[in-house]
Amino acid sequence: MPKVQVVNMQGAPVGEMELNEQIFGIEPNIPVMHAAVVAQRANARVGTHSTLGRSEVRGGGRKPWRQKGTGRARAGTIRSPLWRGGGVIFGPKPRDYSKKLPKKVKRLALCSALSSKVKENNLVVVDQISFDQPKTKEMVKLLQTLKIGKKALFVLDETDQNIQLSARNIQGVLTTRSDTLNVVDLLKYDTVVFSKSSVAKTEEVLSNA
């Protein structure tokens, strides 16, 4: 069973925490994580792009000149894709890009991403994260104290306005909740910071998934 050191907001060790081996201690499955990233990015696409084909462009009902005798190439409409202002050949049309993944595959992808963070020592557990008021300066101080690099993902067990507002203006720092964790964020940010309560919440969410 994997263990991580628990620190306080001053960076001092305050103990150890055992993590659920089925969630934080599995062998990361890279193809499954890739499938989850592709699906998540595809589901974020709106798919409202649209172009006009030759039958949809306004005008062009009359043949621009007679078929023969002018010395010019034959033309049936000024809305041909070969003409400026004409229709678009095989242009994009509105479509649904969404992809569906089985629940077990989503869970495996999340567990793989979390396990890879533990394996790389990029998962930090703080006994409790709290601010009296929203202060960007306090969040910067916490990042420096914990010796966290440029990109950090803070996982909270519930919405905390003070933490969210404190992190909002810092480039490369994002806050999320245990029940909205996703593979793209876990792989995008170098370090993942949990509180003890958010670790328990994450284990609860993924155990029931």
C-alpha atoms as a PDB file:
ATOM      1  CA  MET A   1       0.000   0.000   0.000  1.00  0.00           C
ATOM      2  CA  PRO A   2       1.552   3.340  -1.056  1.00  0.00           C
ATOM      3  CA  LYS A   3       2.353   5.889   1.643  1.00  0.00           C
ATOM      4  CA  VAL A   4       2.907   9.640   1.335  1.00  0.00           C
ATOM      5  CA  GLN A   5       4.251  12.147   3.799  1.00  0.00           C
ATOM      6  CA  VAL A   6       1.724  14.645   5.130  1.00  0.00           C
ATOM      7  CA  VAL A   7       2.920  18.213   5.679  1.00  0.00           C
ATOM      8  CA  ASN A   8       1.297  21.315   7.131  1.00  0.00           C
ATOM      9  CA  MET A   9       0.996  24.701   5.438  1.00  0.00           C
ATOM     10  CA  GLN A  10       4.423  25.636   6.832  1.00  0.00           C
ATOM     11  CA  GLY A  11       5.985  22.683   4.996  1.00  0.00           C
ATOM     12  CA  ALA A  12       6.789  20.728   8.173  1.00  0.00           C
ATOM     13  CA  PRO A  13       6.096  16.947   8.185  1.00  0.00           C
ATOM     14  CA  VAL A  14       3.196  15.992  10.465  1.00  0.00           C
ATOM     15  CA  GLY A  15       2.914  12.290   9.684  1.00  0.00           C
ATOM     16  CA  GLU A  16       2.240   9.745   6.961  1.00  0.00           C
ATOM     17  CA  MET A  17      -0.902   8.712   5.115  1.00  0.00           C
ATOM     18  CA  GLU A  18      -1.699   5.373   3.552  1.00  0.00           C
ATOM     19  CA  LEU A  19      -3.318   5.615   0.133  1.00  0.00           C
ATOM     20  CA  ASN A  20      -5.777   3.204  -1.416  1.00  0.00           C
ATOM     21  CA  GLU A  21      -3.674   0.837  -3.510  1.00  0.00           C
ATOM     22  CA  GLN A  22      -6.471   0.299  -6.056  1.00  0.00           C
ATOM     23  CA  ILE A  23      -6.545   4.041  -6.780  1.00  0.00           C
ATOM     24  CA  PHE A  24      -3.055   5.411  -6.088  1.00  0.00           C
ATOM     25  CA  GLY A  25      -0.905   2.288  -6.432  1.00  0.00           C
ATOM     26  CA  ILE A  26      -1.742   0.607  -9.744  1.00  0.00           C
ATOM     27  CA  GLU A  27       0.521   0.296 -12.788  1.00  0.00           C
ATOM     28  CA  PRO A  28      -0.402   3.294 -14.999  1.00  0.00           C
ATOM     29  CA  ASN A  29      -2.168   2.237 -18.195  1.00  0.00           C
ATOM     30  CA  ILE A  30      -0.881   4.691 -20.812  1.00  0.00           C
ATOM     31  CA  PRO A  31      -3.212   3.664 -23.724  1.00  0.00           C
ATOM     32  CA  VAL A  32      -6.262   4.075 -21.484  1.00  0.00           C
ATOM     33  CA  MET A  33      -5.070   7.508 -20.310  1.00  0.00           C
ATOM     34  CA  HIS A  34      -4.557   8.499 -23.950  1.00  0.00           C
ATOM     35  CA  ALA A  35      -8.089   7.358 -24.836  1.00  0.00           C
ATOM     36  CA  ALA A  36      -9.491   9.399 -21.933  1.00  0.00           C
ATOM     37  CA  VAL A  37      -7.584  12.533 -23.014  1.00  0.00           C
ATOM     38  CA  VAL A  38      -8.767  12.162 -26.625  1.00  0.00           C
ATOM     39  CA  ALA A  39     -12.381  11.676 -25.488  1.00  0.00           C
ATOM     40  CA  GLN A  40     -12.302  14.641 -23.091  1.00  0.00           C
ATOM     41  CA  ARG A  41     -10.847  16.989 -25.686  1.00  0.00           C
ATOM     42  CA  ALA A  42     -13.287  15.754 -28.320  1.00  0.00           C
ATOM     43  CA  ASN A  43     -16.225  16.312 -25.947  1.00  0.00           C
ATOM     44  CA  ALA A  44     -15.068  19.902 -25.406  1.00  0.00           C
ATOM     45  CA  ARG A  45     -15.459  20.682 -29.115  1.00  0.00           C
ATOM     46  CA  VAL A  46     -18.626  22.592 -29.980  1.00  0.00           C
ATOM     47  CA  GLY A  47     -18.749  21.451 -33.606  1.00  0.00           C
ATOM     48  CA  THR A  48     -20.656  24.505 -34.870  1.00  0.00           C
ATOM     49  CA  HIS A  49     -18.271  25.204 -37.790  1.00  0.00           C
ATOM     50  CA  SER A  50     -20.076  25.535 -41.118  1.00  0.00           C
ATOM     51  CA  THR A  51     -19.354  26.526 -44.720  1.00  0.00           C
ATOM     52  CA  LEU A  52     -21.633  27.013 -47.729  1.00  0.00           C
ATOM     53  CA  GLY A  53     -21.555  24.540 -50.601  1.00  0.00           C
ATOM     54  CA  ARG A  54     -22.283  25.518 -54.207  1.00  0.00           C
ATOM     55  CA  SER A  55     -25.991  24.794 -53.750  1.00  0.00           C
ATOM     56  CA  GLU A  56     -26.194  27.096 -50.696  1.00  0.00           C
ATOM     57  CA  VAL A  57     -24.330  30.190 -51.947  1.00  0.00           C
ATOM     58  CA  ARG A  58     -26.601  33.057 -52.971  1.00  0.00           C
ATOM     59  CA  GLY A  59     -26.991  33.832 -56.700  1.00  0.00           C
ATOM     60  CA  GLY A  60     -25.527  32.096 -59.719  1.00  0.00           C
ATOM     61  CA  GLY A  61     -28.797  30.913 -61.222  1.00  0.00           C
ATOM     62  CA  ARG A  62     -27.988  32.162 -64.726  1.00  0.00           C
ATOM     63  CA  LYS A  63     -25.296  30.762 -66.990  1.00  0.00           C
ATOM     64  CA  PRO A  64     -22.674  33.552 -67.099  1.00  0.00           C
ATOM     65  CA  TRP A  65     -21.982  33.234 -70.847  1.00  0.00           C
ATOM     66  CA  ARG A  66     -22.904  30.972 -73.723  1.00  0.00           C
ATOM     67  CA  GLN A  67     -21.385  27.536 -73.953  1.00  0.00           C
ATOM     68  CA  LYS A  68     -19.412  28.026 -77.172  1.00  0.00           C
ATOM     69  CA  GLY A  69     -17.793  30.701 -79.234  1.00  0.00           C
ATOM     70  CA  THR A  70     -16.388  33.031 -76.577  1.00  0.00           C
ATOM     71  CA  GLY A  71     -12.923  31.462 -76.305  1.00  0.00           C
ATOM     72  CA  ARG A  72     -13.376  31.102 -72.563  1.00  0.00           C
ATOM     73  CA  ALA A  73     -13.806  27.933 -70.563  1.00  0.00           C
ATOM     74  CA  ARG A  74     -17.294  26.535 -70.112  1.00  0.00           C
ATOM     75  CA  ALA A  75     -19.106  27.868 -67.030  1.00  0.00           C
ATOM     76  CA  GLY A  76     -22.545  27.026 -65.722  1.00  0.00           C
ATOM     77  CA  THR A  77     -22.686  29.211 -62.616  1.00  0.00           C
ATOM     78  CA  ILE A  78     -20.668  31.930 -60.947  1.00  0.00           C
ATOM     79  CA  ARG A  79     -21.087  30.019 -57.672  1.00  0.00           C
ATOM     80  CA  SER A  80     -18.809  27.158 -58.783  1.00  0.00           C
ATOM     81  CA  PRO A  81     -16.161  26.290 -56.177  1.00  0.00           C
ATOM     82  CA  LEU A  82     -13.580  27.308 -58.806  1.00  0.00           C
ATOM     83  CA  TRP A  83     -14.794  30.916 -58.699  1.00  0.00           C
ATOM     84  CA  ARG A  84     -14.066  33.589 -56.124  1.00  0.00           C
ATOM     85  CA  GLY A  85     -17.133  33.839 -53.902  1.00  0.00           C
ATOM     86  CA  GLY A  86     -18.271  30.371 -54.886  1.00  0.00           C
ATOM     87  CA  GLY A  87     -19.110  27.405 -52.711  1.00  0.00           C
ATOM     88  CA  VAL A  88     -16.585  25.425 -50.692  1.00  0.00           C
ATOM     89  CA  ILE A  89     -15.661  21.899 -51.753  1.00  0.00           C
ATOM     90  CA  PHE A  90     -16.060  19.397 -48.898  1.00  0.00           C
ATOM     91  CA  GLY A  91     -16.076  22.214 -46.330  1.00  0.00           C
ATOM     92  CA  PRO A  92     -16.758  21.591 -42.630  1.00  0.00           C
ATOM     93  CA  LYS A  93     -20.354  21.165 -41.535  1.00  0.00           C
ATOM     94  CA  PRO A  94     -21.841  21.096 -38.008  1.00  0.00           C
ATOM     95  CA  ARG A  95     -21.174  17.735 -36.393  1.00  0.00           C
ATOM     96  CA  ASP A  96     -21.007  16.019 -33.038  1.00  0.00           C
ATOM     97  CA  TYR A  97     -17.447  15.151 -31.979  1.00  0.00           C
ATOM     98  CA  SER A  98     -18.373  13.577 -28.646  1.00  0.00           C
ATOM     99  CA  LYS A  99     -16.899  10.224 -27.688  1.00  0.00           C
ATOM    100  CA  LYS A 100     -18.225   7.891 -25.009  1.00  0.00           C
ATOM    101  CA  LEU A 101     -16.002   5.857 -22.730  1.00  0.00           C
ATOM    102  CA  PRO A 102     -17.205   3.041 -20.462  1.00  0.00           C
ATOM    103  CA  LYS A 103     -17.288   3.972 -16.764  1.00  0.00           C
ATOM    104  CA  LYS A 104     -14.642   1.384 -15.928  1.00  0.00           C
ATOM    105  CA  VAL A 105     -12.292   2.820 -18.547  1.00  0.00           C
ATOM    106  CA  LYS A 106     -12.774   6.366 -17.166  1.00  0.00           C
ATOM    107  CA  ARG A 107     -12.050   5.110 -13.657  1.00  0.00           C
ATOM    108  CA  LEU A 108      -8.954   3.205 -14.801  1.00  0.00           C
ATOM    109  CA  ALA A 109      -7.668   6.314 -16.590  1.00  0.00           C
ATOM    110  CA  LEU A 110      -8.097   8.459 -13.459  1.00  0.00           C
ATOM    111  CA  CYS A 111      -6.473   5.854 -11.217  1.00  0.00           C
ATOM    112  CA  SER A 112      -3.606   5.504 -13.702  1.00  0.00           C
ATOM    113  CA  ALA A 113      -3.029   9.270 -13.737  1.00  0.00           C
ATOM    114  CA  LEU A 114      -3.113   9.466  -9.920  1.00  0.00           C
ATOM    115  CA  SER A 115      -0.812   6.469  -9.581  1.00  0.00           C
ATOM    116  CA  SER A 116       1.675   8.017 -12.008  1.00  0.00           C
ATOM    117  CA  LYS A 117       1.804  11.161  -9.834  1.00  0.00           C
ATOM    118  CA  VAL A 118       2.537   9.044  -6.755  1.00  0.00           C
ATOM    119  CA  LYS A 119       5.181   7.063  -8.644  1.00  0.00           C
ATOM    120  CA  GLU A 120       6.905  10.272  -9.815  1.00  0.00           C
ATOM    121  CA  ASN A 121       6.704  11.857  -6.308  1.00  0.00           C
ATOM    122  CA  ASN A 122       4.573  14.659  -7.729  1.00  0.00           C
ATOM    123  CA  LEU A 123       1.685  14.221  -5.296  1.00  0.00           C
ATOM    124  CA  VAL A 124       1.692  16.410  -2.178  1.00  0.00           C
ATOM    125  CA  VAL A 125      -0.676  15.917   0.766  1.00  0.00           C
ATOM    126  CA  VAL A 126      -1.276  18.827   3.157  1.00  0.00           C
ATOM    127  CA  ASP A 127      -3.087  18.136   6.417  1.00  0.00           C
ATOM    128  CA  GLN A 128      -5.376  21.128   5.897  1.00  0.00           C
ATOM    129  CA  ILE A 129      -5.499  23.952   3.350  1.00  0.00           C
ATOM    130  CA  SER A 130      -7.394  27.052   4.435  1.00  0.00           C
ATOM    131  CA  PHE A 131      -7.169  30.831   4.122  1.00  0.00           C
ATOM    132  CA  ASP A 132      -8.969  33.376   6.296  1.00  0.00           C
ATOM    133  CA  GLN A 133      -9.645  35.527   3.247  1.00  0.00           C
ATOM    134  CA  PRO A 134      -8.857  35.511  -0.491  1.00  0.00           C
ATOM    135  CA  LYS A 135      -5.200  36.535  -0.823  1.00  0.00           C
ATOM    136  CA  THR A 136      -3.082  35.771  -3.871  1.00  0.00           C
ATOM    137  CA  LYS A 137      -0.016  36.579  -1.774  1.00  0.00           C
ATOM    138  CA  GLU A 138      -0.895  33.776   0.664  1.00  0.00           C
ATOM    139  CA  MET A 139      -1.222  31.234  -2.141  1.00  0.00           C
ATOM    140  CA  VAL A 140       2.139  32.313  -3.609  1.00  0.00           C
ATOM    141  CA  LYS A 141       3.679  31.930  -0.140  1.00  0.00           C
ATOM    142  CA  LEU A 142       2.191  28.417   0.183  1.00  0.00           C
ATOM    143  CA  LEU A 143       3.574  27.388  -3.216  1.00  0.00           C
ATOM    144  CA  GLN A 144       7.032  28.631  -2.234  1.00  0.00           C
ATOM    145  CA  THR A 145       6.861  26.917   1.164  1.00  0.00           C
ATOM    146  CA  LEU A 146       5.878  23.579  -0.373  1.00  0.00           C
ATOM    147  CA  LYS A 147       8.548  24.046  -3.087  1.00  0.00           C
ATOM    148  CA  ILE A 148       6.023  23.506  -5.847  1.00  0.00           C
ATOM    149  CA  GLY A 149       7.024  24.323  -9.427  1.00  0.00           C
ATOM    150  CA  LYS A 150       5.263  26.411 -12.021  1.00  0.00           C
ATOM    151  CA  LYS A 151       2.221  24.177 -12.608  1.00  0.00           C
ATOM    152  CA  ALA A 152       0.137  22.962  -9.668  1.00  0.00           C
ATOM    153  CA  LEU A 153      -3.344  21.462  -9.368  1.00  0.00           C
ATOM    154  CA  PHE A 154      -5.073  21.877  -5.993  1.00  0.00           C
ATOM    155  CA  VAL A 155      -7.715  19.229  -5.307  1.00  0.00           C
ATOM    156  CA  LEU A 156     -10.360  20.271  -2.753  1.00  0.00           C
ATOM    157  CA  ASP A 157     -13.003  18.108  -1.128  1.00  0.00           C
ATOM    158  CA  GLU A 158     -15.569  20.912  -1.449  1.00  0.00           C
ATOM    159  CA  THR A 159     -15.844  24.389  -2.927  1.00  0.00           C
ATOM    160  CA  ASP A 160     -13.740  26.920  -1.004  1.00  0.00           C
ATOM    161  CA  GLN A 161     -14.050  30.466  -2.341  1.00  0.00           C
ATOM    162  CA  ASN A 162     -11.024  31.730  -0.409  1.00  0.00           C
ATOM    163  CA  ILE A 163      -8.699  29.129  -1.952  1.00  0.00           C
ATOM    164  CA  GLN A 164     -10.199  29.434  -5.430  1.00  0.00           C
ATOM    165  CA  LEU A 165      -9.958  33.234  -5.489  1.00  0.00           C
ATOM    166  CA  SER A 166      -6.444  33.148  -4.040  1.00  0.00           C
ATOM    167  CA  ALA A 167      -5.266  30.861  -6.855  1.00  0.00           C
ATOM    168  CA  ARG A 168      -7.248  32.389  -9.691  1.00  0.00           C
ATOM    169  CA  ASN A 169      -4.728  35.065 -10.687  1.00  0.00           C
ATOM    170  CA  ILE A 170      -1.663  32.819 -10.558  1.00  0.00           C
ATOM    171  CA  GLN A 171      -0.648  31.496 -13.957  1.00  0.00           C
ATOM    172  CA  GLY A 172      -0.185  27.737 -13.951  1.00  0.00           C
ATOM    173  CA  VAL A 173      -2.262  27.117 -10.809  1.00  0.00           C
ATOM    174  CA  LEU A 174      -5.745  25.571 -10.905  1.00  0.00           C
ATOM    175  CA  THR A 175      -8.195  24.429  -8.242  1.00  0.00           C
ATOM    176  CA  THR A 176     -10.706  21.620  -8.697  1.00  0.00           C
ATOM    177  CA  ARG A 177     -12.875  19.346  -6.573  1.00  0.00           C
ATOM    178  CA  SER A 178     -12.425  15.640  -5.927  1.00  0.00           C
ATOM    179  CA  ASP A 179     -15.673  14.825  -7.728  1.00  0.00           C
ATOM    180  CA  THR A 180     -14.662  16.772 -10.870  1.00  0.00           C
ATOM    181  CA  LEU A 181     -11.132  15.415 -11.275  1.00  0.00           C
ATOM    182  CA  ASN A 182     -10.199  14.625 -14.855  1.00  0.00           C
ATOM    183  CA  VAL A 183      -7.248  13.037 -16.624  1.00  0.00           C
ATOM    184  CA  VAL A 184      -6.336  16.084 -18.736  1.00  0.00           C
ATOM    185  CA  ASP A 185      -5.804  18.282 -15.662  1.00  0.00           C
ATOM    186  CA  LEU A 186      -3.900  15.568 -13.805  1.00  0.00           C
ATOM    187  CA  LEU A 187      -1.490  15.130 -16.719  1.00  0.00           C
ATOM    188  CA  LYS A 188      -1.250  18.830 -17.558  1.00  0.00           C
ATOM    189  CA  TYR A 189      -0.096  20.017 -14.123  1.00  0.00           C
ATOM    190  CA  ASP A 190       3.298  18.938 -12.802  1.00  0.00           C
ATOM    191  CA  THR A 191       2.293  18.690  -9.126  1.00  0.00           C
ATOM    192  CA  VAL A 192      -1.038  17.676  -7.604  1.00  0.00           C
ATOM    193  CA  VAL A 193      -1.766  19.003  -4.110  1.00  0.00           C
ATOM    194  CA  PHE A 194      -4.373  17.251  -1.955  1.00  0.00           C
ATOM    195  CA  SER A 195      -5.625  17.958   1.521  1.00  0.00           C
ATOM    196  CA  LYS A 196      -6.159  14.905   3.732  1.00  0.00           C
ATOM    197  CA  SER A 197      -9.911  15.328   3.423  1.00  0.00           C
ATOM    198  CA  SER A 198      -9.766  15.599  -0.381  1.00  0.00           C
ATOM    199  CA  VAL A 199      -7.740  12.357  -0.558  1.00  0.00           C
ATOM    200  CA  ALA A 200     -10.488  10.620   1.429  1.00  0.00           C
ATOM    201  CA  LYS A 201     -13.157  12.181  -0.808  1.00  0.00           C
ATOM    202  CA  THR A 202     -11.316  11.119  -3.979  1.00  0.00           C
ATOM    203  CA  GLU A 203     -11.025   7.538  -2.702  1.00  0.00           C
ATOM    204  CA  GLU A 204     -14.729   7.567  -1.880  1.00  0.00           C
ATOM    205  CA  VAL A 205     -15.703   8.895  -5.318  1.00  0.00           C
ATOM    206  CA  LEU A 206     -13.523   6.443  -7.259  1.00  0.00           C
ATOM    207  CA  SER A 207     -14.412   3.485  -5.067  1.00  0.00           C
ATOM    208  CA  ASN A 208     -18.077   4.018  -5.956  1.00  0.00           C
ATOM    209  CA  ALA A 209     -17.398   4.674  -9.655  1.00  0.00           C
END
